Amino acid sequence: MISAQISNAKNDSQWDIDFLLVPKISHLSPSKKINVAHWNIPNNIQLADPTFFIPQKVDLLLGAELFFAFLEKDKIKIGYNLFLKSSCFGYLVWGNISDDNFDISIKYCFLTKNLEALNKTLTNFWEIEDVDSQKTCNCEELNYCNEHFAKTYFRKADGKYVLSMPLKPEFPETMLRNSKMIASKRLDELWTRLERDPTMKALYSDFLNEYESLHHMEEVKEDTDLDAGYYLPHRGILRPDKKTTKLRVVFNASSKTSSGYSLNDLLYKGGVLQEDLFSILIRFRKHIYTFTADLKQMIRMIELNESQTRLQKILWKNSK
């Protein structure tokens, strides 16, 4: 950027302007030579550019913030939709001309010499507009998770799936040290809140009682090593305005153990298999009629392999 002062030929108008320096402003203007032999331009008129009809390089581009300051009141009609407009630089040719005025009849809709930029622009446009494209991650982690699922899952007689968590081979389970202490501390903090909120206390107890009655969890009555495995701290998110699930209990598998590792650190994350939310919503709007449904507790129909349940233990007590 540079700061410069420009003026007209008479030096009676001057402006201090900041200019941006660029390699090229635009293509030649006009693109082809214009035939002005039959134009009715008065001889006593001083044009701002006497050779405006000859293709020339654009040296300077002045913005719209100054354009109207250059214009004056006088206007002369020299043809159909063609005018001379007075300005501080002299008269400007203004209007629309037909193909007959060009020495060579060529029409331009869009012109670019940088095809790489054009291809990139068009590619970006179609990538944004293509709502049906599925972007699937083919990373090694996702492939491992798919293979692990295929090798380890099975279905029970009642139709439920039984899955095993994809533990990282390089991170043995022994890297998880003591997690019971932090889970116990979080439970005490939770009960401090429950004591202040009887409604939440009742909802929390009902939730865990239902969890147990539906066999989504069971009490550990006999265990040779109660400190082994991994304890999930949990907390509740109360949403009184909800009509159905007013309390949502969150189990935190990112809680660090005494070794600095959490259960999530030992697990492969795989990848997101479903389409992005934007694509789903756009496709949803393409139909005249749509139905929505809630599959209650669907995720609970997937059980964890019994050999890994020790990695999903929780602590609970019925009073502070």
Foldseek 3Di string as FASTA:
>chain_A
DDWDKDAAPVRPDIDIDDDDDDPADDFWPPPFAFACVPWDDDPPFDALDPRNRHTDGDDDDDDPVCVVVFFDDDWADGDDQWIWTQGNNTTDIDGDDDLVRGPDRDDDDDDDPPVVVVVVVVVVVCVVVVLPDFDDDPDPLQVQVVVQQVVAWDADPVGFIEHAFAFDPVDDLVLFAFAVVVLVVLQVVQQVVCVVPVVVLVLVVVVVVVCVVVVLDHDDPDDPDLRPAHAWRKHWDAQVVDPPPRIDIDTDQQDGHPSRGGNVNRGRPRDDRDGDPVSVVVVVVVDPDDDDDDDPPVVSSYHYDPVRCSNYHYDDDSHD
